[in-house]
Amino acid sequence: MKVILLENVRKVGSIGEIIDVKRGFARNYLIAHKKALFASKENIKEVEKIKNDLNKKDQDKKNLARDINEKLKNKEYVIRKLSTENRELYGSVKPTEISKVLKDTDNIDINPSMIQPVKEIKSLGLYDVILNLHPEIQSQIKIKVIQEEESK
């Protein structure tokens, strides 16, 4: 299925590009998230007209991502979790928890879908986490998981 991209998408293409993707990917992700339009003649003409606006919006998103990257670069955040005697967690640390910690600590709102732990966080320790802030900008933070004291 041919679609026209309305924003830069990592590993897919850039604004205004007409690409051929699988039907499900186009309908369920690109079009549903307003990242693309069907490649009809009318839509191609429409995208050509608004291409400058789309590039400006993308540049604004990129600048915002750069600012967030500067604030977060190589920072370490602490998450307290209950664990067993052999340092295993009762569950794992999910991107939604990491997003909440970033919001509470530095008032930075990051969508959990942009958060990508390098490996699953299932025990106490220090972990690297990659943040996909923009198709061209990635940031890395560290998450330190420590023992939460049980209340008796």
C-alpha atoms as a PDB file:
ATOM      1  CA  MET A   1       0.000   0.000   0.000  1.00  0.00           C
ATOM      2  CA  LYS A   2       1.388   3.406  -0.944  1.00  0.00           C
ATOM      3  CA  VAL A   3       1.263   6.188   1.652  1.00  0.00           C
ATOM      4  CA  ILE A   4       2.662   9.724   1.996  1.00  0.00           C
ATOM      5  CA  LEU A   5       4.499  10.416   5.248  1.00  0.00           C
ATOM      6  CA  LEU A   6       3.399  13.474   7.240  1.00  0.00           C
ATOM      7  CA  GLU A   7       6.365  13.282   9.634  1.00  0.00           C
ATOM      8  CA  ASN A   8       9.785  11.673   9.886  1.00  0.00           C
ATOM      9  CA  VAL A   9       9.498   8.053  11.005  1.00  0.00           C
ATOM     10  CA  ARG A  10      12.628   6.170  12.096  1.00  0.00           C
ATOM     11  CA  LYS A  11      13.665   3.383   9.698  1.00  0.00           C
ATOM     12  CA  VAL A  12      10.696   4.171   7.414  1.00  0.00           C
ATOM     13  CA  GLY A  13      11.161   7.553   5.718  1.00  0.00           C
ATOM     14  CA  SER A  14      10.923  11.326   5.922  1.00  0.00           C
ATOM     15  CA  ILE A  15       8.240  13.991   5.433  1.00  0.00           C
ATOM     16  CA  GLY A  16       6.519  14.045   2.050  1.00  0.00           C
ATOM     17  CA  GLU A  17       8.059  10.766   0.939  1.00  0.00           C
ATOM     18  CA  ILE A  18       5.775   8.300  -0.848  1.00  0.00           C
ATOM     19  CA  ILE A  19       6.557   4.815   0.414  1.00  0.00           C
ATOM     20  CA  ASP A  20       5.178   1.319  -0.063  1.00  0.00           C
ATOM     21  CA  VAL A  21       4.369  -0.429   3.233  1.00  0.00           C
ATOM     22  CA  LYS A  22       2.301  -3.407   4.309  1.00  0.00           C
ATOM     23  CA  ARG A  23      -1.414  -2.721   4.552  1.00  0.00           C
ATOM     24  CA  GLY A  24      -1.672  -3.474   8.297  1.00  0.00           C
ATOM     25  CA  PHE A  25       1.288  -1.227   9.197  1.00  0.00           C
ATOM     26  CA  ALA A  26      -0.233   1.593   7.132  1.00  0.00           C
ATOM     27  CA  ARG A  27      -3.736   1.318   8.598  1.00  0.00           C
ATOM     28  CA  ASN A  28      -2.989   0.354  12.186  1.00  0.00           C
ATOM     29  CA  TYR A  29       0.034   2.562  12.846  1.00  0.00           C
ATOM     30  CA  LEU A  30       0.893   5.212  10.259  1.00  0.00           C
ATOM     31  CA  ILE A  31      -2.616   6.406   9.401  1.00  0.00           C
ATOM     32  CA  ALA A  32      -4.083   5.754  12.868  1.00  0.00           C
ATOM     33  CA  HIS A  33      -1.359   7.912  14.493  1.00  0.00           C
ATOM     34  CA  LYS A  34      -1.664  10.591  11.758  1.00  0.00           C
ATOM     35  CA  LYS A  35       1.881   9.943  10.555  1.00  0.00           C
ATOM     36  CA  ALA A  36       0.751   9.258   6.950  1.00  0.00           C
ATOM     37  CA  LEU A  37      -2.060   9.560   4.391  1.00  0.00           C
ATOM     38  CA  PHE A  38      -3.160   7.252   1.568  1.00  0.00           C
ATOM     39  CA  ALA A  39      -1.213   8.178  -1.585  1.00  0.00           C
ATOM     40  CA  SER A  40      -4.090   9.439  -3.735  1.00  0.00           C
ATOM     41  CA  LYS A  41      -3.584  12.233  -6.293  1.00  0.00           C
ATOM     42  CA  GLU A  42      -5.501  14.722  -4.099  1.00  0.00           C
ATOM     43  CA  ASN A  43      -3.484  13.835  -1.000  1.00  0.00           C
ATOM     44  CA  ILE A  44      -0.170  14.121  -2.896  1.00  0.00           C
ATOM     45  CA  LYS A  45      -1.103  17.657  -4.019  1.00  0.00           C
ATOM     46  CA  GLU A  46      -2.259  18.560  -0.491  1.00  0.00           C
ATOM     47  CA  VAL A  47       0.997  17.322   1.109  1.00  0.00           C
ATOM     48  CA  GLU A  48       3.071  19.305  -1.429  1.00  0.00           C
ATOM     49  CA  LYS A  49       1.220  22.469  -0.344  1.00  0.00           C
ATOM     50  CA  ILE A  50       1.711  21.903   3.406  1.00  0.00           C
ATOM     51  CA  LYS A  51       5.211  20.384   3.239  1.00  0.00           C
ATOM     52  CA  ASN A  52       6.874  23.558   4.630  1.00  0.00           C
ATOM     53  CA  ASP A  53       4.495  23.623   7.615  1.00  0.00           C
ATOM     54  CA  LEU A  54       5.186  19.942   8.279  1.00  0.00           C
ATOM     55  CA  ASN A  55       8.952  20.538   8.122  1.00  0.00           C
ATOM     56  CA  LYS A  56       8.608  23.467  10.556  1.00  0.00           C
ATOM     57  CA  LYS A  57       6.586  21.330  13.002  1.00  0.00           C
ATOM     58  CA  ASP A  58       9.168  18.550  12.736  1.00  0.00           C
ATOM     59  CA  GLN A  59      11.966  21.066  13.400  1.00  0.00           C
ATOM     60  CA  ASP A  60      10.104  22.295  16.522  1.00  0.00           C
ATOM     61  CA  LYS A  61       9.733  18.696  17.753  1.00  0.00           C
ATOM     62  CA  LYS A  62      13.428  18.133  17.074  1.00  0.00           C
ATOM     63  CA  ASN A  63      14.410  21.247  19.084  1.00  0.00           C
ATOM     64  CA  LEU A  64      12.201  20.154  21.987  1.00  0.00           C
ATOM     65  CA  ALA A  65      13.780  16.674  21.857  1.00  0.00           C
ATOM     66  CA  ARG A  66      17.256  18.279  21.897  1.00  0.00           C
ATOM     67  CA  ASP A  67      16.354  20.309  25.013  1.00  0.00           C
ATOM     68  CA  ILE A  68      15.044  17.201  26.788  1.00  0.00           C
ATOM     69  CA  ASN A  69      18.169  15.299  25.710  1.00  0.00           C
ATOM     70  CA  GLU A  70      20.397  17.975  27.303  1.00  0.00           C
ATOM     71  CA  LYS A  71      18.414  17.820  30.579  1.00  0.00           C
ATOM     72  CA  LEU A  72      18.496  14.018  30.770  1.00  0.00           C
ATOM     73  CA  LYS A  73      21.918  13.188  29.337  1.00  0.00           C
ATOM     74  CA  ASN A  74      23.585  10.509  31.509  1.00  0.00           C
ATOM     75  CA  LYS A  75      21.329  11.176  34.517  1.00  0.00           C
ATOM     76  CA  GLU A  76      20.560   8.457  37.030  1.00  0.00           C
ATOM     77  CA  TYR A  77      17.108   7.848  38.500  1.00  0.00           C
ATOM     78  CA  VAL A  78      16.233   5.666  41.487  1.00  0.00           C
ATOM     79  CA  ILE A  79      13.253   3.312  41.612  1.00  0.00           C
ATOM     80  CA  ARG A  80      12.368   1.504  44.839  1.00  0.00           C
ATOM     81  CA  LYS A  81      10.876  -1.993  44.444  1.00  0.00           C
ATOM     82  CA  LEU A  82      10.173  -4.950  46.721  1.00  0.00           C
ATOM     83  CA  SER A  83      12.536  -7.842  46.074  1.00  0.00           C
ATOM     84  CA  THR A  84      13.356 -11.346  47.268  1.00  0.00           C
ATOM     85  CA  GLU A  85      16.462 -12.296  49.280  1.00  0.00           C
ATOM     86  CA  ASN A  86      18.358 -13.109  46.056  1.00  0.00           C
ATOM     87  CA  ARG A  87      17.773  -9.573  44.672  1.00  0.00           C
ATOM     88  CA  GLU A  88      15.020 -10.602  42.205  1.00  0.00           C
ATOM     89  CA  LEU A  89      12.064  -8.221  41.877  1.00  0.00           C
ATOM     90  CA  TYR A  90       8.426  -9.189  42.404  1.00  0.00           C
ATOM     91  CA  GLY A  91       7.652  -8.179  38.793  1.00  0.00           C
ATOM     92  CA  SER A  92       9.714  -5.950  36.537  1.00  0.00           C
ATOM     93  CA  VAL A  93      10.195  -2.220  36.026  1.00  0.00           C
ATOM     94  CA  LYS A  94       8.034  -1.171  33.069  1.00  0.00           C
ATOM     95  CA  PRO A  95       8.384   1.905  30.811  1.00  0.00           C
ATOM     96  CA  THR A  96       5.259   3.408  32.445  1.00  0.00           C
ATOM     97  CA  GLU A  97       7.064   3.433  35.825  1.00  0.00           C
ATOM     98  CA  ILE A  98      10.149   5.021  34.278  1.00  0.00           C
ATOM     99  CA  SER A  99       7.929   7.650  32.617  1.00  0.00           C
ATOM    100  CA  LYS A 100       6.307   8.405  35.993  1.00  0.00           C
ATOM    101  CA  VAL A 101       9.717   8.782  37.689  1.00  0.00           C
ATOM    102  CA  LEU A 102      10.858  11.237  34.972  1.00  0.00           C
ATOM    103  CA  LYS A 103       7.621  13.230  35.403  1.00  0.00           C
ATOM    104  CA  ASP A 104       7.870  13.302  39.221  1.00  0.00           C
ATOM    105  CA  THR A 105      11.605  14.056  39.403  1.00  0.00           C
ATOM    106  CA  ASP A 106      12.305  16.468  36.529  1.00  0.00           C
ATOM    107  CA  ASN A 107       8.760  17.293  35.325  1.00  0.00           C
ATOM    108  CA  ILE A 108       9.598  15.840  31.900  1.00  0.00           C
ATOM    109  CA  ASP A 109       6.654  14.193  30.177  1.00  0.00           C
ATOM    110  CA  ILE A 110       7.810  11.245  28.048  1.00  0.00           C
ATOM    111  CA  ASN A 111       5.440   8.757  26.458  1.00  0.00           C
ATOM    112  CA  PRO A 112       6.155   5.181  27.717  1.00  0.00           C
ATOM    113  CA  SER A 113       6.312   3.983  24.092  1.00  0.00           C
ATOM    114  CA  MET A 114       9.457   6.132  23.650  1.00  0.00           C
ATOM    115  CA  ILE A 115      11.224   4.356  26.531  1.00  0.00           C
ATOM    116  CA  GLN A 116      13.298   1.291  25.647  1.00  0.00           C
ATOM    117  CA  PRO A 117      15.206  -0.548  28.397  1.00  0.00           C
ATOM    118  CA  VAL A 118      18.409  -2.149  27.012  1.00  0.00           C
ATOM    119  CA  LYS A 119      17.494  -5.334  28.876  1.00  0.00           C
ATOM    120  CA  GLU A 120      14.537  -6.292  31.042  1.00  0.00           C
ATOM    121  CA  ILE A 121      14.708  -4.856  34.552  1.00  0.00           C
ATOM    122  CA  LYS A 122      13.934  -7.841  36.791  1.00  0.00           C
ATOM    123  CA  SER A 123      16.416  -7.502  39.648  1.00  0.00           C
ATOM    124  CA  LEU A 124      18.118  -4.872  41.812  1.00  0.00           C
ATOM    125  CA  GLY A 125      20.969  -2.957  40.187  1.00  0.00           C
ATOM    126  CA  LEU A 126      21.878  -0.326  37.606  1.00  0.00           C
ATOM    127  CA  TYR A 127      20.357  -0.446  34.094  1.00  0.00           C
ATOM    128  CA  ASP A 128      20.768   1.557  30.888  1.00  0.00           C
ATOM    129  CA  VAL A 129      17.574   2.862  29.292  1.00  0.00           C
ATOM    130  CA  ILE A 130      17.310   4.420  25.820  1.00  0.00           C
ATOM    131  CA  LEU A 131      14.794   7.201  25.177  1.00  0.00           C
ATOM    132  CA  ASN A 132      13.688   7.672  21.549  1.00  0.00           C
ATOM    133  CA  LEU A 133      12.862  11.384  21.763  1.00  0.00           C
ATOM    134  CA  HIS A 134      12.728  11.997  17.986  1.00  0.00           C
ATOM    135  CA  PRO A 135      13.529   9.870  14.918  1.00  0.00           C
ATOM    136  CA  GLU A 136      16.965  11.534  14.844  1.00  0.00           C
ATOM    137  CA  ILE A 137      17.570  12.001  18.597  1.00  0.00           C
ATOM    138  CA  GLN A 138      18.126   9.310  21.220  1.00  0.00           C
ATOM    139  CA  SER A 139      19.036   9.907  24.836  1.00  0.00           C
ATOM    140  CA  GLN A 140      20.331   7.486  27.445  1.00  0.00           C
ATOM    141  CA  ILE A 141      19.646   7.463  31.175  1.00  0.00           C
ATOM    142  CA  LYS A 142      20.443   5.054  33.979  1.00  0.00           C
ATOM    143  CA  ILE A 143      17.843   3.489  36.257  1.00  0.00           C
ATOM    144  CA  LYS A 144      19.037   2.307  39.654  1.00  0.00           C
ATOM    145  CA  VAL A 145      16.665  -0.207  41.238  1.00  0.00           C
ATOM    146  CA  ILE A 146      17.044  -0.401  45.014  1.00  0.00           C
ATOM    147  CA  GLN A 147      15.332  -2.395  47.772  1.00  0.00           C
ATOM    148  CA  GLU A 148      12.128  -0.856  49.133  1.00  0.00           C
ATOM    149  CA  GLU A 149      11.872  -1.238  52.875  1.00  0.00           C
ATOM    150  CA  GLU A 150       8.838  -3.291  53.920  1.00  0.00           C
ATOM    151  CA  SER A 151       6.521  -1.588  56.411  1.00  0.00           C
ATOM    152  CA  LYS A 152       5.776  -3.834  59.395  1.00  0.00           C
END
